[in-house]
Amino acid sequence: MLCSGPKSLSKGPLTLRLDADVVEWLHQGEEGYQTRINAALRDFTKHHRS
């Protein structure tokens, strides 16, 4: 399970174009798709910091 991170951080709007299969995968989860995108990106940055 991906960690969604701290709830106190501000969030801002973003327009993002994704492949249809990625969007379909994101909509399959129990959580909202925006939460899943945020968690995936947070996990990626956690493991790829310079």
PDB file of N, CA and C in Angstrom:
ATOM      1  N   MET A   1       0.846  -1.187   0.000  1.00  0.00           N
ATOM      2  CA  MET A   1       0.000   0.000   0.000  1.00  0.00           C
ATOM      3  C   MET A   1       0.882   1.238   0.000  1.00  0.00           C
ATOM      4  N   LEU A   2       0.540   2.195  -0.791  1.00  0.00           N
ATOM      5  CA  LEU A   2       1.301   3.438  -0.857  1.00  0.00           C
ATOM      6  C   LEU A   2       0.856   4.374   0.252  1.00  0.00           C
ATOM      7  N   CYS A   3       1.785   5.097   0.799  1.00  0.00           N
ATOM      8  CA  CYS A   3       1.502   6.067   1.856  1.00  0.00           C
ATOM      9  C   CYS A   3       1.041   7.367   1.222  1.00  0.00           C
ATOM     10  N   SER A   4      -0.024   7.947   1.739  1.00  0.00           N
ATOM     11  CA  SER A   4      -0.520   9.195   1.173  1.00  0.00           C
ATOM     12  C   SER A   4       0.214  10.413   1.721  1.00  0.00           C
ATOM     13  N   GLY A   5       1.033  10.247   2.737  1.00  0.00           N
ATOM     14  CA  GLY A   5       1.837  11.346   3.265  1.00  0.00           C
ATOM     15  C   GLY A   5       1.066  12.214   4.241  1.00  0.00           C
ATOM     16  N   PRO A   6       1.718  13.289   4.681  1.00  0.00           N
ATOM     17  CA  PRO A   6       1.101  14.166   5.679  1.00  0.00           C
ATOM     18  C   PRO A   6      -0.129  14.858   5.141  1.00  0.00           C
ATOM     19  N   LYS A   7      -1.147  14.964   5.978  1.00  0.00           N
ATOM     20  CA  LYS A   7      -2.401  15.610   5.576  1.00  0.00           C
ATOM     21  C   LYS A   7      -2.314  17.125   5.657  1.00  0.00           C
ATOM     22  N   SER A   8      -1.297  17.675   6.319  1.00  0.00           N
ATOM     23  CA  SER A   8      -1.228  19.117   6.550  1.00  0.00           C
ATOM     24  C   SER A   8      -0.639  19.892   5.368  1.00  0.00           C
ATOM     25  N   LEU A   9      -0.071  19.196   4.383  1.00  0.00           N
ATOM     26  CA  LEU A   9       0.520  19.894   3.248  1.00  0.00           C
ATOM     27  C   LEU A   9      -0.559  20.469   2.347  1.00  0.00           C
ATOM     28  N   SER A  10      -0.300  21.662   1.829  1.00  0.00           N
ATOM     29  CA  SER A  10      -1.231  22.269   0.889  1.00  0.00           C
ATOM     30  C   SER A  10      -1.185  21.517  -0.428  1.00  0.00           C
ATOM     31  N   LYS A  11      -2.297  21.488  -1.097  1.00  0.00           N
ATOM     32  CA  LYS A  11      -2.377  20.846  -2.403  1.00  0.00           C
ATOM     33  C   LYS A  11      -2.858  21.882  -3.409  1.00  0.00           C
ATOM     34  N   GLY A  12      -2.398  21.734  -4.639  1.00  0.00           N
ATOM     35  CA  GLY A  12      -2.790  22.660  -5.684  1.00  0.00           C
ATOM     36  C   GLY A  12      -3.286  21.911  -6.902  1.00  0.00           C
ATOM     37  N   PRO A  13      -4.013  22.600  -7.755  1.00  0.00           N
ATOM     38  CA  PRO A  13      -4.542  21.960  -8.962  1.00  0.00           C
ATOM     39  C   PRO A  13      -3.451  21.684  -9.989  1.00  0.00           C
ATOM     40  N   LEU A  14      -3.666  20.654 -10.790  1.00  0.00           N
ATOM     41  CA  LEU A  14      -2.720  20.262 -11.824  1.00  0.00           C
ATOM     42  C   LEU A  14      -3.487  19.577 -12.947  1.00  0.00           C
ATOM     43  N   THR A  15      -3.208  19.964 -14.171  1.00  0.00           N
ATOM     44  CA  THR A  15      -3.766  19.264 -15.317  1.00  0.00           C
ATOM     45  C   THR A  15      -2.728  18.268 -15.792  1.00  0.00           C
ATOM     46  N   LEU A  16      -3.143  17.012 -15.951  1.00  0.00           N
ATOM     47  CA  LEU A  16      -2.214  15.947 -16.270  1.00  0.00           C
ATOM     48  C   LEU A  16      -2.855  15.016 -17.293  1.00  0.00           C
ATOM     49  N   ARG A  17      -2.137  14.741 -18.374  1.00  0.00           N
ATOM     50  CA  ARG A  17      -2.642  13.829 -19.400  1.00  0.00           C
ATOM     51  C   ARG A  17      -1.980  12.469 -19.200  1.00  0.00           C
ATOM     52  N   LEU A  18      -2.807  11.441 -19.019  1.00  0.00           N
ATOM     53  CA  LEU A  18      -2.320  10.091 -18.762  1.00  0.00           C
ATOM     54  C   LEU A  18      -2.873   9.134 -19.811  1.00  0.00           C
ATOM     55  N   ASP A  19      -2.161   8.036 -20.034  1.00  0.00           N
ATOM     56  CA  ASP A  19      -2.639   6.999 -20.937  1.00  0.00           C
ATOM     57  C   ASP A  19      -3.932   6.396 -20.391  1.00  0.00           C
ATOM     58  N   ALA A  20      -4.798   5.962 -21.287  1.00  0.00           N
ATOM     59  CA  ALA A  20      -6.108   5.438 -20.905  1.00  0.00           C
ATOM     60  C   ALA A  20      -6.004   4.249 -19.949  1.00  0.00           C
ATOM     61  N   ASP A  21      -5.030   3.360 -20.166  1.00  0.00           N
ATOM     62  CA  ASP A  21      -4.897   2.204 -19.288  1.00  0.00           C
ATOM     63  C   ASP A  21      -4.469   2.602 -17.880  1.00  0.00           C
ATOM     64  N   VAL A  22      -3.686   3.662 -17.766  1.00  0.00           N
ATOM     65  CA  VAL A  22      -3.279   4.162 -16.450  1.00  0.00           C
ATOM     66  C   VAL A  22      -4.485   4.752 -15.731  1.00  0.00           C
ATOM     67  N   VAL A  23      -5.288   5.523 -16.440  1.00  0.00           N
ATOM     68  CA  VAL A  23      -6.496   6.110 -15.846  1.00  0.00           C
ATOM     69  C   VAL A  23      -7.446   5.001 -15.385  1.00  0.00           C
ATOM     70  N   GLU A  24      -7.598   3.964 -16.205  1.00  0.00           N
ATOM     71  CA  GLU A  24      -8.459   2.840 -15.837  1.00  0.00           C
ATOM     72  C   GLU A  24      -7.960   2.176 -14.553  1.00  0.00           C
ATOM     73  N   TRP A  25      -6.648   1.964 -14.445  1.00  0.00           N
ATOM     74  CA  TRP A  25      -6.074   1.360 -13.244  1.00  0.00           C
ATOM     75  C   TRP A  25      -6.330   2.236 -12.019  1.00  0.00           C
ATOM     76  N   LEU A  26      -6.148   3.545 -12.183  1.00  0.00           N
ATOM     77  CA  LEU A  26      -6.336   4.464 -11.058  1.00  0.00           C
ATOM     78  C   LEU A  26      -7.778   4.451 -10.554  1.00  0.00           C
ATOM     79  N   HIS A  27      -8.729   4.279 -11.438  1.00  0.00           N
ATOM     80  CA  HIS A  27     -10.145   4.285 -11.052  1.00  0.00           C
ATOM     81  C   HIS A  27     -10.597   2.967 -10.437  1.00  0.00           C
ATOM     82  N   GLN A  28      -9.760   1.923 -10.438  1.00  0.00           N
ATOM     83  CA  GLN A  28     -10.138   0.618  -9.888  1.00  0.00           C
ATOM     84  C   GLN A  28      -9.991   0.535  -8.374  1.00  0.00           C
ATOM     85  N   GLY A  29      -9.219   1.394  -7.770  1.00  0.00           N
ATOM     86  CA  GLY A  29      -8.926   1.281  -6.341  1.00  0.00           C
ATOM     87  C   GLY A  29     -10.059   1.741  -5.451  1.00  0.00           C
ATOM     88  N   GLU A  30      -9.927   1.429  -4.169  1.00  0.00           N
ATOM     89  CA  GLU A  30     -10.922   1.832  -3.181  1.00  0.00           C
ATOM     90  C   GLU A  30     -10.843   3.333  -2.902  1.00  0.00           C
ATOM     91  N   GLU A  31      -9.620   3.864  -2.862  1.00  0.00           N
ATOM     92  CA  GLU A  31      -9.450   5.295  -2.611  1.00  0.00           C
ATOM     93  C   GLU A  31      -9.744   6.058  -3.897  1.00  0.00           C
ATOM     94  N   GLY A  32      -9.890   7.369  -3.793  1.00  0.00           N
ATOM     95  CA  GLY A  32     -10.082   8.191  -4.972  1.00  0.00           C
ATOM     96  C   GLY A  32      -8.841   8.188  -5.848  1.00  0.00           C
ATOM     97  N   TYR A  33      -9.040   8.388  -7.128  1.00  0.00           N
ATOM     98  CA  TYR A  33      -7.910   8.316  -8.048  1.00  0.00           C
ATOM     99  C   TYR A  33      -6.886   9.417  -7.794  1.00  0.00           C
ATOM    100  N   GLN A  34      -7.305  10.584  -7.357  1.00  0.00           N
ATOM    101  CA  GLN A  34      -6.348  11.654  -7.076  1.00  0.00           C
ATOM    102  C   GLN A  34      -5.476  11.290  -5.882  1.00  0.00           C
ATOM    103  N   THR A  35      -6.056  10.628  -4.894  1.00  0.00           N
ATOM    104  CA  THR A  35      -5.294  10.161  -3.739  1.00  0.00           C
ATOM    105  C   THR A  35      -4.269   9.121  -4.183  1.00  0.00           C
ATOM    106  N   ARG A  36      -4.667   8.233  -5.100  1.00  0.00           N
ATOM    107  CA  ARG A  36      -3.749   7.198  -5.597  1.00  0.00           C
ATOM    108  C   ARG A  36      -2.610   7.817  -6.398  1.00  0.00           C
ATOM    109  N   ILE A  37      -2.897   8.816  -7.228  1.00  0.00           N
ATOM    110  CA  ILE A  37      -1.840   9.499  -7.982  1.00  0.00           C
ATOM    111  C   ILE A  37      -0.868  10.160  -7.018  1.00  0.00           C
ATOM    112  N   ASN A  38      -1.390  10.879  -6.042  1.00  0.00           N
ATOM    113  CA  ASN A  38      -0.549  11.578  -5.079  1.00  0.00           C
ATOM    114  C   ASN A  38       0.335  10.596  -4.305  1.00  0.00           C
ATOM    115  N   ALA A  39      -0.256   9.478  -3.873  1.00  0.00           N
ATOM    116  CA  ALA A  39       0.503   8.474  -3.123  1.00  0.00           C
ATOM    117  C   ALA A  39       1.603   7.855  -3.988  1.00  0.00           C
ATOM    118  N   ALA A  40       1.291   7.559  -5.248  1.00  0.00           N
ATOM    119  CA  ALA A  40       2.287   6.970  -6.141  1.00  0.00           C
ATOM    120  C   ALA A  40       3.443   7.941  -6.380  1.00  0.00           C
ATOM    121  N   LEU A  41       3.138   9.201  -6.602  1.00  0.00           N
ATOM    122  CA  LEU A  41       4.187  10.195  -6.830  1.00  0.00           C
ATOM    123  C   LEU A  41       5.005  10.438  -5.562  1.00  0.00           C
ATOM    124  N   ARG A  42       4.344  10.448  -4.414  1.00  0.00           N
ATOM    125  CA  ARG A  42       5.053  10.618  -3.142  1.00  0.00           C
ATOM    126  C   ARG A  42       6.004   9.452  -2.912  1.00  0.00           C
ATOM    127  N   ASP A  43       5.539   8.222  -3.173  1.00  0.00           N
ATOM    128  CA  ASP A  43       6.382   7.040  -3.010  1.00  0.00           C
ATOM    129  C   ASP A  43       7.571   7.093  -3.969  1.00  0.00           C
ATOM    130  N   PHE A  44       7.337   7.507  -5.204  1.00  0.00           N
ATOM    131  CA  PHE A  44       8.408   7.615  -6.183  1.00  0.00           C
ATOM    132  C   PHE A  44       9.469   8.617  -5.725  1.00  0.00           C
ATOM    133  N   THR A  45       9.043   9.801  -5.280  1.00  0.00           N
ATOM    134  CA  THR A  45       9.998  10.814  -4.851  1.00  0.00           C
ATOM    135  C   THR A  45      10.759  10.368  -3.606  1.00  0.00           C
ATOM    136  N   LYS A  46      10.095   9.617  -2.729  1.00  0.00           N
ATOM    137  CA  LYS A  46      10.755   9.114  -1.523  1.00  0.00           C
ATOM    138  C   LYS A  46      11.919   8.184  -1.880  1.00  0.00           C
ATOM    139  N   HIS A  47      11.766   7.396  -2.925  1.00  0.00           N
ATOM    140  CA  HIS A  47      12.781   6.429  -3.318  1.00  0.00           C
ATOM    141  C   HIS A  47      13.763   6.946  -4.365  1.00  0.00           C
ATOM    142  N   HIS A  48      13.550   8.148  -4.885  1.00  0.00           N
ATOM    143  CA  HIS A  48      14.405   8.673  -5.950  1.00  0.00           C
ATOM    144  C   HIS A  48      14.949  10.075  -5.646  1.00  0.00           C
ATOM    145  N   ARG A  49      15.055  10.402  -4.390  1.00  0.00           N
ATOM    146  CA  ARG A  49      15.624  11.716  -4.038  1.00  0.00           C
ATOM    147  C   ARG A  49      17.121  11.725  -4.296  1.00  0.00           C
ATOM    148  N   SER A  50      17.630  12.875  -4.756  1.00  0.00           N
ATOM    149  CA  SER A  50      19.073  12.962  -5.036  1.00  0.00           C
ATOM    150  C   SER A  50      19.845  13.399  -3.811  1.00  0.00           C
TER     151      SER A  50
END
